[in-house]
Amino acid sequence: MSVAAFISSQKTEYGISHVISCRALGVSQSWFYKWKARAPTPRERRRADLGRLLERADAEQLPAIPWTITDGCSGPTLVGECVATDPIQRRDDFEAWRCALGAEAWPGGLRRGKSVHLHASINDEEGVSISIAAEVLAEEM
């Protein structure tokens, strides 16, 4: 956590004013307010994108799946992997997320030997690419 983020958190979490926090840490108030007014960094934007997605998942009671954030040449990508141990649950989780996002799935998935890789992706209104994936056995399709 940066010094400026720490100062900001003191106000939020404990009600300690920025003036007191800046004085205690020996930094100028003007420096803090300049930091606070800056544009968000790419990392902060990616985290905000993921935060919005997770809030939506909670509101719509979507299944919990692990997410990864990557930086592609066309912008940030959020990748969700449906990894439930039960293959039927894994496929159902994939479908729940695909429907909630309005993403188009690859027809029939990608066949890899005895397994099928299910994949769907969409670009949201903020230009973030969101991908959902799951591996299932061909006979489970």
N, C-alpha and C. Protein backbone atom coordinates (compact mmCIF):
# COMPACT_ATOMS: atom_id res chain seq x y z
N MET A 1 0.85 -1.18 0.00
CA MET A 1 0.00 0.00 0.00
C MET A 1 0.90 1.23 0.00
N SER A 2 0.57 2.20 -0.85
CA SER A 2 1.36 3.43 -0.91
C SER A 2 1.03 4.32 0.29
N VAL A 3 1.90 5.29 0.53
CA VAL A 3 1.69 6.25 1.62
C VAL A 3 0.36 6.98 1.42
N ALA A 4 0.11 7.42 0.18
CA ALA A 4 -1.12 8.16 -0.10
C ALA A 4 -2.35 7.29 0.12
N ALA A 5 -2.29 6.02 -0.30
CA ALA A 5 -3.42 5.12 -0.08
C ALA A 5 -3.63 4.89 1.42
N PHE A 6 -2.52 4.81 2.17
CA PHE A 6 -2.62 4.65 3.62
C PHE A 6 -3.32 5.86 4.24
N ILE A 7 -2.93 7.06 3.82
CA ILE A 7 -3.55 8.29 4.33
C ILE A 7 -5.04 8.28 4.03
N SER A 8 -5.37 7.92 2.82
CA SER A 8 -6.78 7.88 2.41
C SER A 8 -7.56 6.86 3.23
N SER A 9 -6.96 5.72 3.50
CA SER A 9 -7.64 4.68 4.25
C SER A 9 -7.90 5.07 5.70
N GLN A 10 -7.04 5.93 6.26
CA GLN A 10 -7.23 6.35 7.64
C GLN A 10 -8.53 7.14 7.81
N LYS A 11 -8.84 7.96 6.82
CA LYS A 11 -10.09 8.73 6.84
C LYS A 11 -11.28 7.78 6.74
N THR A 12 -11.18 6.83 5.82
CA THR A 12 -12.28 5.89 5.58
C THR A 12 -12.51 4.95 6.75
N GLU A 13 -11.42 4.37 7.27
CA GLU A 13 -11.55 3.33 8.28
C GLU A 13 -11.66 3.86 9.71
N TYR A 14 -10.96 4.98 9.99
CA TYR A 14 -10.89 5.43 11.39
C TYR A 14 -11.37 6.86 11.61
N GLY A 15 -11.72 7.56 10.53
CA GLY A 15 -12.19 8.94 10.67
C GLY A 15 -11.08 9.94 10.97
N ILE A 16 -9.82 9.55 10.74
CA ILE A 16 -8.69 10.46 10.97
C ILE A 16 -8.53 11.33 9.73
N SER A 17 -8.55 12.64 9.91
CA SER A 17 -8.52 13.54 8.76
C SER A 17 -7.20 13.43 8.00
N HIS A 18 -7.27 13.81 6.73
CA HIS A 18 -6.07 13.79 5.88
C HIS A 18 -5.01 14.74 6.42
N VAL A 19 -5.44 15.86 6.98
CA VAL A 19 -4.52 16.85 7.52
C VAL A 19 -3.65 16.23 8.62
N ILE A 20 -4.29 15.54 9.56
CA ILE A 20 -3.56 14.92 10.67
C ILE A 20 -2.66 13.80 10.17
N SER A 21 -3.17 12.96 9.26
CA SER A 21 -2.36 11.86 8.72
C SER A 21 -1.14 12.39 7.97
N CYS A 22 -1.32 13.43 7.15
CA CYS A 22 -0.19 14.01 6.41
C CYS A 22 0.86 14.56 7.37
N ARG A 23 0.41 15.28 8.37
CA ARG A 23 1.33 15.87 9.35
C ARG A 23 2.10 14.78 10.09
N ALA A 24 1.39 13.72 10.52
CA ALA A 24 2.03 12.64 11.27
C ALA A 24 3.07 11.90 10.43
N LEU A 25 2.82 11.81 9.13
CA LEU A 25 3.74 11.07 8.25
C LEU A 25 4.78 11.99 7.58
N GLY A 26 4.66 13.29 7.80
CA GLY A 26 5.64 14.22 7.25
C GLY A 26 5.53 14.45 5.76
N VAL A 27 4.31 14.38 5.22
CA VAL A 27 4.12 14.68 3.80
C VAL A 27 3.19 15.89 3.67
N SER A 28 3.36 16.63 2.58
CA SER A 28 2.53 17.82 2.41
C SER A 28 1.12 17.44 1.96
N GLN A 29 0.17 18.27 2.37
CA GLN A 29 -1.21 18.04 1.97
C GLN A 29 -1.38 18.20 0.46
N SER A 30 -0.64 19.14 -0.12
CA SER A 30 -0.77 19.36 -1.56
C SER A 30 -0.33 18.11 -2.33
N TRP A 31 0.73 17.44 -1.85
CA TRP A 31 1.17 16.21 -2.50
C TRP A 31 0.06 15.16 -2.42
N PHE A 32 -0.57 15.01 -1.25
CA PHE A 32 -1.63 14.02 -1.08
C PHE A 32 -2.81 14.33 -2.01
N TYR A 33 -3.25 15.57 -2.06
CA TYR A 33 -4.40 15.91 -2.90
C TYR A 33 -4.08 15.78 -4.38
N LYS A 34 -2.83 16.01 -4.77
CA LYS A 34 -2.42 15.79 -6.16
C LYS A 34 -2.53 14.30 -6.48
N TRP A 35 -2.08 13.45 -5.56
CA TRP A 35 -2.18 12.01 -5.75
C TRP A 35 -3.64 11.59 -5.85
N LYS A 36 -4.46 12.14 -4.98
CA LYS A 36 -5.87 11.75 -4.93
C LYS A 36 -6.61 12.14 -6.22
N ALA A 37 -6.21 13.25 -6.87
CA ALA A 37 -6.90 13.75 -8.06
C ALA A 37 -6.40 13.11 -9.35
N ARG A 38 -5.34 12.29 -9.28
CA ARG A 38 -4.77 11.73 -10.49
C ARG A 38 -5.71 10.70 -11.12
N ALA A 39 -5.46 10.41 -12.39
CA ALA A 39 -6.23 9.38 -13.09
C ALA A 39 -5.85 8.00 -12.54
N PRO A 40 -6.78 7.07 -12.52
CA PRO A 40 -6.46 5.74 -12.00
C PRO A 40 -5.39 5.06 -12.87
N THR A 41 -4.55 4.29 -12.22
CA THR A 41 -3.52 3.53 -12.93
C THR A 41 -4.17 2.35 -13.64
N PRO A 42 -3.48 1.74 -14.59
CA PRO A 42 -4.05 0.55 -15.25
C PRO A 42 -4.40 -0.56 -14.25
N ARG A 43 -3.56 -0.74 -13.25
CA ARG A 43 -3.84 -1.77 -12.24
C ARG A 43 -5.12 -1.44 -11.47
N GLU A 44 -5.30 -0.17 -11.10
CA GLU A 44 -6.51 0.23 -10.38
C GLU A 44 -7.75 0.03 -11.25
N ARG A 45 -7.63 0.33 -12.56
CA ARG A 45 -8.76 0.13 -13.48
C ARG A 45 -9.11 -1.35 -13.59
N ARG A 46 -8.09 -2.23 -13.70
CA ARG A 46 -8.34 -3.67 -13.79
C ARG A 46 -9.04 -4.18 -12.52
N ARG A 47 -8.55 -3.71 -11.37
CA ARG A 47 -9.16 -4.14 -10.11
C ARG A 47 -10.61 -3.65 -10.01
N ALA A 48 -10.86 -2.43 -10.50
CA ALA A 48 -12.23 -1.90 -10.48
C ALA A 48 -13.13 -2.72 -11.40
N ASP A 49 -12.61 -3.13 -12.57
CA ASP A 49 -13.37 -3.96 -13.50
C ASP A 49 -13.74 -5.28 -12.84
N LEU A 50 -12.76 -5.91 -12.20
CA LEU A 50 -13.02 -7.17 -11.52
C LEU A 50 -13.99 -6.97 -10.36
N GLY A 51 -13.85 -5.86 -9.64
CA GLY A 51 -14.77 -5.57 -8.53
C GLY A 51 -16.20 -5.45 -9.01
N ARG A 52 -16.42 -4.76 -10.14
CA ARG A 52 -17.78 -4.64 -10.69
C ARG A 52 -18.33 -6.01 -11.08
N LEU A 53 -17.47 -6.84 -11.67
CA LEU A 53 -17.90 -8.17 -12.08
C LEU A 53 -18.28 -9.03 -10.86
N LEU A 54 -17.47 -8.94 -9.81
CA LEU A 54 -17.76 -9.73 -8.61
C LEU A 54 -19.00 -9.23 -7.88
N GLU A 55 -19.23 -7.91 -7.89
CA GLU A 55 -20.46 -7.37 -7.30
C GLU A 55 -21.68 -7.88 -8.06
N ARG A 56 -21.57 -7.91 -9.38
CA ARG A 56 -22.66 -8.43 -10.20
C ARG A 56 -22.89 -9.92 -9.90
N ALA A 57 -21.80 -10.68 -9.78
CA ALA A 57 -21.92 -12.11 -9.47
C ALA A 57 -22.65 -12.32 -8.16
N ASP A 58 -22.33 -11.48 -7.18
CA ASP A 58 -22.99 -11.59 -5.87
C ASP A 58 -24.46 -11.22 -5.98
N ALA A 59 -24.75 -10.13 -6.68
CA ALA A 59 -26.14 -9.68 -6.82
C ALA A 59 -27.00 -10.69 -7.56
N GLU A 60 -26.42 -11.34 -8.59
CA GLU A 60 -27.17 -12.30 -9.39
C GLU A 60 -27.00 -13.73 -8.88
N GLN A 61 -26.27 -13.90 -7.78
CA GLN A 61 -26.01 -15.21 -7.17
C GLN A 61 -25.43 -16.21 -8.18
N LEU A 62 -24.44 -15.74 -8.94
CA LEU A 62 -23.75 -16.62 -9.89
C LEU A 62 -22.78 -17.51 -9.14
N PRO A 63 -22.44 -18.67 -9.69
CA PRO A 63 -21.50 -19.57 -9.00
C PRO A 63 -20.12 -18.93 -8.83
N ALA A 64 -19.48 -19.26 -7.72
CA ALA A 64 -18.14 -18.74 -7.45
C ALA A 64 -17.13 -19.50 -8.31
N ILE A 65 -16.32 -18.75 -9.05
CA ILE A 65 -15.25 -19.34 -9.86
C ILE A 65 -14.00 -18.47 -9.72
N PRO A 66 -12.81 -19.06 -9.89
CA PRO A 66 -11.59 -18.25 -9.81
C PRO A 66 -11.42 -17.37 -11.05
N TRP A 67 -10.88 -16.18 -10.84
CA TRP A 67 -10.67 -15.22 -11.92
C TRP A 67 -9.20 -14.83 -11.99
N THR A 68 -8.74 -14.56 -13.21
CA THR A 68 -7.38 -14.07 -13.47
C THR A 68 -7.50 -12.79 -14.28
N ILE A 69 -6.65 -11.80 -13.98
CA ILE A 69 -6.63 -10.56 -14.75
C ILE A 69 -5.36 -10.57 -15.59
N THR A 70 -5.50 -10.36 -16.89
CA THR A 70 -4.32 -10.26 -17.76
C THR A 70 -4.38 -8.96 -18.52
N ASP A 71 -3.24 -8.52 -19.00
CA ASP A 71 -3.16 -7.32 -19.82
C ASP A 71 -2.82 -7.71 -21.25
N GLY A 72 -3.82 -7.70 -22.11
CA GLY A 72 -3.58 -8.00 -23.52
C GLY A 72 -3.24 -6.73 -24.27
N CYS A 73 -2.84 -6.88 -25.52
CA CYS A 73 -2.49 -5.70 -26.31
C CYS A 73 -3.72 -4.84 -26.58
N SER A 74 -4.92 -5.43 -26.52
CA SER A 74 -6.14 -4.65 -26.75
C SER A 74 -6.80 -4.20 -25.45
N GLY A 75 -6.13 -4.41 -24.31
CA GLY A 75 -6.68 -3.97 -23.04
C GLY A 75 -6.79 -5.12 -22.06
N PRO A 76 -7.36 -4.84 -20.89
CA PRO A 76 -7.43 -5.87 -19.85
C PRO A 76 -8.41 -6.99 -20.22
N THR A 77 -8.07 -8.18 -19.76
CA THR A 77 -8.92 -9.35 -19.96
C THR A 77 -9.15 -10.02 -18.62
N LEU A 78 -10.40 -10.30 -18.30
CA LEU A 78 -10.75 -11.06 -17.11
C LEU A 78 -11.09 -12.47 -17.57
N VAL A 79 -10.42 -13.47 -17.00
CA VAL A 79 -10.62 -14.86 -17.40
C VAL A 79 -11.14 -15.65 -16.22
N GLY A 80 -12.33 -16.21 -16.37
CA GLY A 80 -12.92 -17.05 -15.34
C GLY A 80 -12.85 -18.51 -15.75
N GLU A 81 -12.42 -19.36 -14.85
CA GLU A 81 -12.28 -20.79 -15.13
C GLU A 81 -13.25 -21.57 -14.25
N CYS A 82 -14.18 -22.28 -14.85
CA CYS A 82 -15.12 -23.10 -14.11
C CYS A 82 -14.42 -24.41 -13.76
N VAL A 83 -14.17 -24.61 -12.46
CA VAL A 83 -13.33 -25.73 -12.03
C VAL A 83 -14.00 -26.65 -11.01
N ALA A 84 -15.31 -26.64 -10.93
CA ALA A 84 -16.00 -27.51 -9.97
C ALA A 84 -15.57 -28.96 -10.21
N THR A 85 -15.46 -29.74 -9.15
CA THR A 85 -15.02 -31.14 -9.30
C THR A 85 -16.05 -31.99 -10.02
N ASP A 86 -17.33 -31.70 -9.82
CA ASP A 86 -18.39 -32.42 -10.51
C ASP A 86 -18.51 -31.88 -11.94
N PRO A 87 -18.34 -32.73 -12.96
CA PRO A 87 -18.37 -32.25 -14.35
C PRO A 87 -19.69 -31.61 -14.76
N ILE A 88 -20.79 -32.11 -14.22
CA ILE A 88 -22.10 -31.51 -14.55
C ILE A 88 -22.19 -30.12 -13.94
N GLN A 89 -21.70 -29.97 -12.71
CA GLN A 89 -21.69 -28.65 -12.06
C GLN A 89 -20.78 -27.69 -12.82
N ARG A 90 -19.65 -28.20 -13.30
CA ARG A 90 -18.71 -27.38 -14.07
C ARG A 90 -19.39 -26.84 -15.33
N ARG A 91 -20.10 -27.71 -16.03
CA ARG A 91 -20.82 -27.29 -17.24
C ARG A 91 -21.94 -26.31 -16.90
N ASP A 92 -22.66 -26.57 -15.80
CA ASP A 92 -23.75 -25.67 -15.37
C ASP A 92 -23.21 -24.30 -14.96
N ASP A 93 -22.06 -24.28 -14.27
CA ASP A 93 -21.43 -23.01 -13.89
C ASP A 93 -21.06 -22.20 -15.13
N PHE A 94 -20.50 -22.90 -16.12
CA PHE A 94 -20.13 -22.25 -17.38
C PHE A 94 -21.36 -21.62 -18.03
N GLU A 95 -22.45 -22.38 -18.11
CA GLU A 95 -23.67 -21.87 -18.74
C GLU A 95 -24.27 -20.71 -17.97
N ALA A 96 -24.24 -20.77 -16.63
CA ALA A 96 -24.78 -19.68 -15.83
C ALA A 96 -24.03 -18.38 -16.11
N TRP A 97 -22.69 -18.45 -16.13
CA TRP A 97 -21.90 -17.25 -16.41
C TRP A 97 -22.06 -16.79 -17.85
N ARG A 98 -22.09 -17.73 -18.79
CA ARG A 98 -22.25 -17.36 -20.20
C ARG A 98 -23.56 -16.62 -20.41
N CYS A 99 -24.64 -17.13 -19.82
CA CYS A 99 -25.94 -16.48 -19.96
C CYS A 99 -25.96 -15.11 -19.28
N ALA A 100 -25.39 -15.02 -18.07
CA ALA A 100 -25.38 -13.75 -17.34
C ALA A 100 -24.62 -12.68 -18.09
N LEU A 101 -23.53 -13.06 -18.75
CA LEU A 101 -22.73 -12.09 -19.50
C LEU A 101 -23.28 -11.83 -20.89
N GLY A 102 -24.15 -12.70 -21.36
CA GLY A 102 -24.65 -12.56 -22.73
C GLY A 102 -23.57 -12.90 -23.74
N ALA A 103 -22.66 -13.79 -23.36
CA ALA A 103 -21.53 -14.16 -24.22
C ALA A 103 -21.91 -15.30 -25.15
N GLU A 104 -21.34 -15.29 -26.33
CA GLU A 104 -21.54 -16.37 -27.29
C GLU A 104 -20.50 -17.45 -27.04
N ALA A 105 -20.96 -18.69 -26.92
CA ALA A 105 -20.05 -19.82 -26.74
C ALA A 105 -19.58 -20.32 -28.10
N TRP A 106 -18.39 -20.87 -28.13
CA TRP A 106 -17.92 -21.53 -29.35
C TRP A 106 -18.82 -22.73 -29.58
N PRO A 107 -19.40 -22.87 -30.76
CA PRO A 107 -20.32 -24.00 -31.01
C PRO A 107 -19.62 -25.34 -30.78
N GLY A 108 -20.17 -26.13 -29.88
CA GLY A 108 -19.62 -27.45 -29.61
C GLY A 108 -18.31 -27.47 -28.84
N GLY A 109 -17.75 -26.31 -28.56
CA GLY A 109 -16.49 -26.24 -27.85
C GLY A 109 -15.32 -26.69 -28.71
N LEU A 110 -14.14 -26.70 -28.12
CA LEU A 110 -12.92 -27.16 -28.80
C LEU A 110 -12.61 -28.57 -28.34
N ARG A 111 -12.56 -29.50 -29.23
CA ARG A 111 -12.28 -30.88 -28.85
C ARG A 111 -10.78 -31.09 -28.72
N ARG A 112 -10.40 -31.69 -27.58
CA ARG A 112 -9.00 -32.02 -27.30
C ARG A 112 -8.95 -33.45 -26.80
N GLY A 113 -8.74 -34.38 -27.70
CA GLY A 113 -8.74 -35.78 -27.30
C GLY A 113 -10.12 -36.17 -26.78
N LYS A 114 -10.17 -36.64 -25.52
CA LYS A 114 -11.44 -37.06 -24.93
C LYS A 114 -12.17 -35.92 -24.23
N SER A 115 -11.55 -34.74 -24.18
CA SER A 115 -12.20 -33.63 -23.48
C SER A 115 -12.64 -32.54 -24.46
N VAL A 116 -13.52 -31.70 -23.96
CA VAL A 116 -14.02 -30.57 -24.74
C VAL A 116 -13.76 -29.30 -23.92
N HIS A 117 -13.16 -28.31 -24.55
CA HIS A 117 -12.89 -27.02 -23.90
C HIS A 117 -14.04 -26.08 -24.26
N LEU A 118 -14.87 -25.75 -23.27
CA LEU A 118 -15.96 -24.79 -23.47
C LEU A 118 -15.40 -23.39 -23.29
N HIS A 119 -15.76 -22.49 -24.18
CA HIS A 119 -15.22 -21.13 -24.09
C HIS A 119 -16.27 -20.15 -24.60
N ALA A 120 -16.39 -19.03 -23.90
CA ALA A 120 -17.26 -17.93 -24.34
C ALA A 120 -16.60 -16.63 -23.93
N SER A 121 -16.76 -15.60 -24.73
CA SER A 121 -16.17 -14.30 -24.37
C SER A 121 -17.03 -13.17 -24.90
N ILE A 122 -16.82 -12.01 -24.28
CA ILE A 122 -17.57 -10.81 -24.65
C ILE A 122 -16.75 -9.60 -24.22
N ASN A 123 -16.92 -8.48 -24.88
CA ASN A 123 -16.33 -7.21 -24.45
C ASN A 123 -17.42 -6.40 -23.79
N ASP A 124 -17.16 -5.95 -22.55
CA ASP A 124 -18.18 -5.17 -21.85
C ASP A 124 -18.17 -3.73 -22.34
N GLU A 125 -19.09 -2.92 -21.78
CA GLU A 125 -19.24 -1.53 -22.22
C GLU A 125 -18.02 -0.67 -21.92
N GLU A 126 -17.14 -1.12 -21.05
CA GLU A 126 -15.93 -0.36 -20.71
C GLU A 126 -14.72 -0.82 -21.52
N GLY A 127 -14.94 -1.75 -22.47
CA GLY A 127 -13.85 -2.23 -23.31
C GLY A 127 -13.03 -3.34 -22.68
N VAL A 128 -13.54 -3.94 -21.62
CA VAL A 128 -12.84 -5.04 -20.95
C VAL A 128 -13.31 -6.35 -21.56
N SER A 129 -12.37 -7.20 -21.95
CA SER A 129 -12.70 -8.51 -22.49
C SER A 129 -12.90 -9.48 -21.33
N ILE A 130 -14.02 -10.21 -21.35
CA ILE A 130 -14.33 -11.17 -20.29
C ILE A 130 -14.48 -12.54 -20.96
N SER A 131 -13.70 -13.52 -20.48
CA SER A 131 -13.74 -14.87 -21.03
C SER A 131 -14.10 -15.86 -19.93
N ILE A 132 -14.88 -16.86 -20.30
CA ILE A 132 -15.27 -17.93 -19.39
C ILE A 132 -14.84 -19.24 -20.05
N ALA A 133 -14.28 -20.15 -19.27
CA ALA A 133 -13.83 -21.43 -19.82
C ALA A 133 -14.13 -22.57 -18.86
N ALA A 134 -14.27 -23.77 -19.42
CA ALA A 134 -14.44 -24.99 -18.62
C ALA A 134 -14.00 -26.17 -19.47
N GLU A 135 -13.44 -27.17 -18.83
CA GLU A 135 -13.07 -28.43 -19.49
C GLU A 135 -14.04 -29.51 -19.03
N VAL A 136 -14.63 -30.22 -19.99
CA VAL A 136 -15.50 -31.35 -19.67
C VAL A 136 -15.14 -32.51 -20.60
N LEU A 137 -15.46 -33.72 -20.19
CA LEU A 137 -15.24 -34.88 -21.06
C LEU A 137 -16.30 -34.89 -22.16
N ALA A 138 -15.92 -35.37 -23.34
CA ALA A 138 -16.83 -35.37 -24.48
C ALA A 138 -18.13 -36.10 -24.18
N GLU A 139 -18.06 -37.20 -23.43
CA GLU A 139 -19.29 -37.95 -23.13
C GLU A 139 -20.19 -37.22 -22.14
N GLU A 140 -19.69 -36.16 -21.49
CA GLU A 140 -20.49 -35.39 -20.54
C GLU A 140 -21.25 -34.26 -21.23
N MET A 141 -21.01 -34.10 -22.52
CA MET A 141 -21.66 -33.01 -23.25
C MET A 141 -23.09 -33.33 -23.50
